[in-house]
Amino acid sequence: MLTARQRRALNTADDRDGVGRGDSGFLGVGLPTLESLIQRGLLERIPHSVTGRPLYRTTVEGQAALRAPVPPKPVRIGPKIRMLEPRIKAMDIRSVKPRR
């Protein structure tokens, strides 16, 4: 099961020649996420042919993981927040305003 950040990283790196870390698709995706994808075999690190900088490329297993359907969000049961009773009683504004 992939998180949204992992899906974004795999979508960005889905290029035959590889994609560098400077690509805007990797914005918000850190090295721990990339390393976990590499360890799972969904992403591979390859060197650039000229500069030797590391490039990232989605593997066949990563493409299969991307094709898997996104699990639905769980349905919330019950209210989000329960309303609390006020600690201080509201003052009666009729006694504060002067009568005309």
N, C-alpha and C. Protein backbone atom coordinates (compact mmCIF):
# COMPACT_ATOMS: atom_id res chain seq x y z
N MET A 1 0.84 -1.17 0.00
CA MET A 1 0.00 0.00 0.00
C MET A 1 0.89 1.24 0.00
N LEU A 2 0.65 2.12 -0.93
CA LEU A 2 1.48 3.31 -1.08
C LEU A 2 0.80 4.53 -0.49
N THR A 3 1.62 5.41 0.08
CA THR A 3 1.10 6.69 0.55
C THR A 3 1.04 7.65 -0.63
N ALA A 4 0.41 8.79 -0.42
CA ALA A 4 0.30 9.79 -1.50
C ALA A 4 1.68 10.30 -1.90
N ARG A 5 2.57 10.48 -0.94
CA ARG A 5 3.92 10.97 -1.23
C ARG A 5 4.69 9.93 -2.04
N GLN A 6 4.55 8.66 -1.70
CA GLN A 6 5.24 7.61 -2.45
C GLN A 6 4.69 7.51 -3.86
N ARG A 7 3.37 7.63 -4.02
CA ARG A 7 2.77 7.62 -5.35
C ARG A 7 3.29 8.76 -6.20
N ARG A 8 3.39 9.97 -5.59
CA ARG A 8 3.88 11.13 -6.33
C ARG A 8 5.33 10.91 -6.77
N ALA A 9 6.14 10.32 -5.90
CA ALA A 9 7.54 10.04 -6.25
C ALA A 9 7.63 9.03 -7.39
N LEU A 10 6.82 7.99 -7.34
CA LEU A 10 6.85 6.98 -8.41
C LEU A 10 6.34 7.55 -9.72
N ASN A 11 5.30 8.39 -9.67
CA ASN A 11 4.79 9.03 -10.89
C ASN A 11 5.83 9.94 -11.50
N THR A 12 6.55 10.68 -10.66
CA THR A 12 7.57 11.60 -11.16
C THR A 12 8.72 10.84 -11.80
N ALA A 13 9.12 9.74 -11.18
CA ALA A 13 10.28 8.99 -11.67
C ALA A 13 9.92 8.01 -12.79
N ASP A 14 8.70 8.03 -13.26
CA ASP A 14 8.27 7.10 -14.30
C ASP A 14 8.75 7.61 -15.67
N ASP A 15 10.05 7.55 -15.86
CA ASP A 15 10.69 8.00 -17.11
C ASP A 15 11.79 6.99 -17.44
N ARG A 16 11.90 6.64 -18.70
CA ARG A 16 12.86 5.62 -19.12
C ARG A 16 14.30 6.05 -18.86
N ASP A 17 14.57 7.37 -19.00
CA ASP A 17 15.94 7.87 -18.82
C ASP A 17 16.26 8.24 -17.37
N GLY A 18 15.28 8.29 -16.51
CA GLY A 18 15.51 8.65 -15.12
C GLY A 18 15.26 10.13 -14.89
N VAL A 19 15.01 10.48 -13.63
CA VAL A 19 14.69 11.85 -13.24
C VAL A 19 15.56 12.21 -12.05
N GLY A 20 16.08 13.45 -12.05
CA GLY A 20 16.92 13.92 -10.95
C GLY A 20 16.09 14.45 -9.79
N ARG A 21 16.74 14.65 -8.64
CA ARG A 21 16.05 15.15 -7.46
C ARG A 21 15.57 16.58 -7.64
N GLY A 22 16.15 17.35 -8.55
CA GLY A 22 15.76 18.74 -8.75
C GLY A 22 14.44 18.91 -9.49
N ASP A 23 13.84 17.83 -9.95
CA ASP A 23 12.57 17.93 -10.66
C ASP A 23 11.48 18.39 -9.70
N SER A 24 10.56 19.22 -10.20
CA SER A 24 9.52 19.78 -9.33
C SER A 24 8.56 18.71 -8.81
N GLY A 25 8.48 17.57 -9.45
CA GLY A 25 7.62 16.50 -8.96
C GLY A 25 8.11 15.90 -7.65
N PHE A 26 9.40 16.05 -7.36
CA PHE A 26 9.96 15.54 -6.12
C PHE A 26 9.85 16.55 -4.98
N LEU A 27 9.18 17.67 -5.20
CA LEU A 27 9.00 18.68 -4.17
C LEU A 27 8.19 18.08 -3.03
N GLY A 28 8.72 18.09 -1.85
CA GLY A 28 8.05 17.50 -0.69
C GLY A 28 8.35 16.04 -0.48
N VAL A 29 9.14 15.45 -1.36
CA VAL A 29 9.54 14.04 -1.22
C VAL A 29 10.99 14.02 -0.77
N GLY A 30 11.23 13.50 0.41
CA GLY A 30 12.58 13.50 0.96
C GLY A 30 13.34 12.23 0.67
N LEU A 31 14.59 12.24 1.10
CA LEU A 31 15.45 11.07 0.89
C LEU A 31 14.94 9.82 1.62
N PRO A 32 14.38 9.94 2.84
CA PRO A 32 13.87 8.71 3.48
C PRO A 32 12.78 8.02 2.66
N THR A 33 11.92 8.81 2.03
CA THR A 33 10.86 8.22 1.19
C THR A 33 11.47 7.53 -0.02
N LEU A 34 12.43 8.18 -0.66
CA LEU A 34 13.08 7.58 -1.83
C LEU A 34 13.84 6.31 -1.44
N GLU A 35 14.53 6.36 -0.30
CA GLU A 35 15.28 5.18 0.14
C GLU A 35 14.34 4.01 0.46
N SER A 36 13.19 4.31 1.06
CA SER A 36 12.25 3.22 1.36
C SER A 36 11.71 2.60 0.08
N LEU A 37 11.47 3.43 -0.94
CA LEU A 37 11.01 2.89 -2.23
C LEU A 37 12.09 2.06 -2.91
N ILE A 38 13.33 2.47 -2.77
CA ILE A 38 14.44 1.70 -3.35
C ILE A 38 14.57 0.35 -2.64
N GLN A 39 14.46 0.36 -1.31
CA GLN A 39 14.56 -0.89 -0.55
C GLN A 39 13.42 -1.86 -0.89
N ARG A 40 12.24 -1.32 -1.18
CA ARG A 40 11.11 -2.18 -1.55
C ARG A 40 11.18 -2.64 -2.99
N GLY A 41 12.11 -2.10 -3.77
CA GLY A 41 12.28 -2.52 -5.16
C GLY A 41 11.34 -1.81 -6.12
N LEU A 42 10.73 -0.72 -5.70
CA LEU A 42 9.80 0.02 -6.56
C LEU A 42 10.49 1.14 -7.33
N LEU A 43 11.66 1.53 -6.88
CA LEU A 43 12.41 2.63 -7.49
C LEU A 43 13.87 2.20 -7.56
N GLU A 44 14.57 2.67 -8.58
CA GLU A 44 16.00 2.36 -8.67
C GLU A 44 16.79 3.64 -8.90
N ARG A 45 18.00 3.65 -8.38
CA ARG A 45 18.89 4.79 -8.53
C ARG A 45 19.93 4.43 -9.61
N ILE A 46 20.04 5.31 -10.61
CA ILE A 46 21.01 5.09 -11.69
C ILE A 46 21.87 6.35 -11.82
N PRO A 47 23.13 6.23 -12.23
CA PRO A 47 23.95 7.42 -12.40
C PRO A 47 23.67 8.10 -13.75
N HIS A 48 23.78 9.42 -13.76
CA HIS A 48 23.65 10.18 -15.00
C HIS A 48 24.83 9.82 -15.89
N SER A 49 24.60 9.72 -17.19
CA SER A 49 25.65 9.24 -18.10
C SER A 49 26.81 10.23 -18.22
N VAL A 50 26.57 11.52 -18.02
CA VAL A 50 27.63 12.51 -18.18
C VAL A 50 28.15 12.99 -16.84
N THR A 51 27.26 13.44 -15.97
CA THR A 51 27.70 14.05 -14.72
C THR A 51 27.86 13.05 -13.58
N GLY A 52 27.23 11.92 -13.66
CA GLY A 52 27.32 10.93 -12.60
C GLY A 52 26.36 11.19 -11.45
N ARG A 53 25.55 12.26 -11.54
CA ARG A 53 24.57 12.54 -10.49
C ARG A 53 23.56 11.40 -10.44
N PRO A 54 23.01 11.13 -9.26
CA PRO A 54 22.03 10.05 -9.18
C PRO A 54 20.69 10.46 -9.80
N LEU A 55 20.15 9.58 -10.60
CA LEU A 55 18.82 9.74 -11.18
C LEU A 55 17.95 8.61 -10.65
N TYR A 56 16.66 8.84 -10.61
CA TYR A 56 15.72 7.84 -10.10
C TYR A 56 14.78 7.41 -11.21
N ARG A 57 14.50 6.11 -11.24
CA ARG A 57 13.65 5.54 -12.27
C ARG A 57 12.73 4.49 -11.63
N THR A 58 11.47 4.49 -12.03
CA THR A 58 10.50 3.53 -11.51
C THR A 58 10.74 2.17 -12.15
N THR A 59 10.73 1.13 -11.33
CA THR A 59 10.93 -0.22 -11.84
C THR A 59 9.60 -0.79 -12.33
N VAL A 60 9.65 -1.99 -12.87
CA VAL A 60 8.44 -2.66 -13.35
C VAL A 60 7.49 -2.92 -12.18
N GLU A 61 8.05 -3.30 -11.02
CA GLU A 61 7.22 -3.53 -9.83
C GLU A 61 6.59 -2.21 -9.37
N GLY A 62 7.33 -1.11 -9.49
CA GLY A 62 6.78 0.20 -9.12
C GLY A 62 5.64 0.62 -10.03
N GLN A 63 5.77 0.32 -11.33
CA GLN A 63 4.69 0.64 -12.26
C GLN A 63 3.45 -0.20 -11.96
N ALA A 64 3.66 -1.45 -11.56
CA ALA A 64 2.53 -2.30 -11.19
C ALA A 64 1.86 -1.78 -9.92
N ALA A 65 2.66 -1.28 -8.97
CA ALA A 65 2.10 -0.73 -7.74
C ALA A 65 1.31 0.55 -8.03
N LEU A 66 1.74 1.32 -9.03
CA LEU A 66 1.00 2.52 -9.41
C LEU A 66 -0.33 2.18 -10.07
N ARG A 67 -0.38 1.09 -10.80
CA ARG A 67 -1.61 0.70 -11.47
C ARG A 67 -2.65 0.14 -10.50
N ALA A 68 -2.21 -0.28 -9.32
CA ALA A 68 -3.14 -0.80 -8.31
C ALA A 68 -4.08 0.33 -7.88
N PRO A 69 -5.35 0.02 -7.66
CA PRO A 69 -6.29 1.08 -7.29
C PRO A 69 -5.97 1.70 -5.94
N VAL A 70 -6.28 2.98 -5.82
CA VAL A 70 -6.07 3.69 -4.57
C VAL A 70 -7.16 3.26 -3.59
N PRO A 71 -6.79 2.85 -2.38
CA PRO A 71 -7.83 2.42 -1.43
C PRO A 71 -8.70 3.60 -1.04
N PRO A 72 -10.00 3.36 -0.83
CA PRO A 72 -10.89 4.47 -0.46
C PRO A 72 -10.59 4.99 0.94
N LYS A 73 -10.91 6.25 1.16
CA LYS A 73 -10.72 6.82 2.49
C LYS A 73 -11.75 6.22 3.43
N PRO A 74 -11.37 6.01 4.69
CA PRO A 74 -12.34 5.46 5.64
C PRO A 74 -13.46 6.46 5.91
N VAL A 75 -14.65 5.94 6.13
CA VAL A 75 -15.81 6.78 6.38
C VAL A 75 -15.85 7.11 7.87
N ARG A 76 -16.01 8.39 8.17
CA ARG A 76 -16.06 8.82 9.56
C ARG A 76 -17.42 8.47 10.15
N ILE A 77 -17.38 7.89 11.34
CA ILE A 77 -18.60 7.53 12.04
C ILE A 77 -18.75 8.48 13.22
N GLY A 78 -19.85 9.18 13.28
CA GLY A 78 -20.09 10.09 14.39
C GLY A 78 -19.59 11.49 14.09
N PRO A 79 -19.86 12.41 15.00
CA PRO A 79 -19.46 13.80 14.78
C PRO A 79 -17.94 13.98 14.92
N LYS A 80 -17.42 15.01 14.30
CA LYS A 80 -15.99 15.29 14.38
C LYS A 80 -15.61 15.79 15.78
N ILE A 81 -16.34 16.80 16.25
CA ILE A 81 -16.03 17.41 17.54
C ILE A 81 -17.31 17.52 18.35
N ARG A 82 -17.22 17.17 19.61
CA ARG A 82 -18.38 17.29 20.47
C ARG A 82 -18.39 18.69 21.08
N MET A 83 -19.54 19.35 21.04
CA MET A 83 -19.66 20.71 21.55
C MET A 83 -19.65 20.68 23.08
N LEU A 84 -18.81 21.51 23.69
CA LEU A 84 -18.73 21.58 25.15
C LEU A 84 -19.66 22.67 25.67
N GLU A 85 -20.09 22.50 26.90
CA GLU A 85 -20.89 23.53 27.55
C GLU A 85 -19.96 24.68 27.94
N PRO A 86 -20.41 25.93 27.83
CA PRO A 86 -19.55 27.05 28.19
C PRO A 86 -19.27 27.07 29.69
N ARG A 87 -18.06 27.44 30.09
CA ARG A 87 -17.69 27.53 31.50
C ARG A 87 -18.25 28.80 32.14
N ILE A 88 -18.30 29.86 31.36
CA ILE A 88 -18.77 31.14 31.86
C ILE A 88 -20.14 31.40 31.26
N LYS A 89 -21.08 31.74 32.10
CA LYS A 89 -22.42 32.02 31.63
C LYS A 89 -22.43 33.36 30.91
N ALA A 90 -23.20 33.45 29.85
CA ALA A 90 -23.33 34.69 29.11
C ALA A 90 -24.17 35.67 29.93
N MET A 91 -23.72 36.93 29.93
CA MET A 91 -24.43 37.94 30.69
C MET A 91 -25.67 38.39 29.92
N ASP A 92 -26.71 38.71 30.65
CA ASP A 92 -27.94 39.19 30.04
C ASP A 92 -27.70 40.63 29.58
N ILE A 93 -27.72 40.87 28.27
CA ILE A 93 -27.38 42.20 27.76
C ILE A 93 -28.48 43.21 28.00
N ARG A 94 -29.66 42.76 28.39
CA ARG A 94 -30.75 43.70 28.66
C ARG A 94 -30.45 44.53 29.90
N SER A 95 -29.71 43.97 30.84
CA SER A 95 -29.40 44.72 32.06
C SER A 95 -28.22 45.68 31.86
N VAL A 96 -27.43 45.51 30.82
CA VAL A 96 -26.26 46.36 30.58
C VAL A 96 -26.64 47.58 29.76
N LYS A 97 -27.51 47.45 28.79
CA LYS A 97 -27.88 48.56 27.93
C LYS A 97 -28.81 49.53 28.68
N PRO A 98 -28.52 50.79 28.55
CA PRO A 98 -29.45 51.74 29.18
C PRO A 98 -30.74 51.83 28.36
N ARG A 99 -31.84 52.03 29.07
CA ARG A 99 -33.12 52.16 28.39
C ARG A 99 -33.27 53.56 27.83
N ARG A 100 -33.99 53.70 26.77
CA ARG A 100 -34.24 55.02 26.15
C ARG A 100 -35.49 55.62 26.65
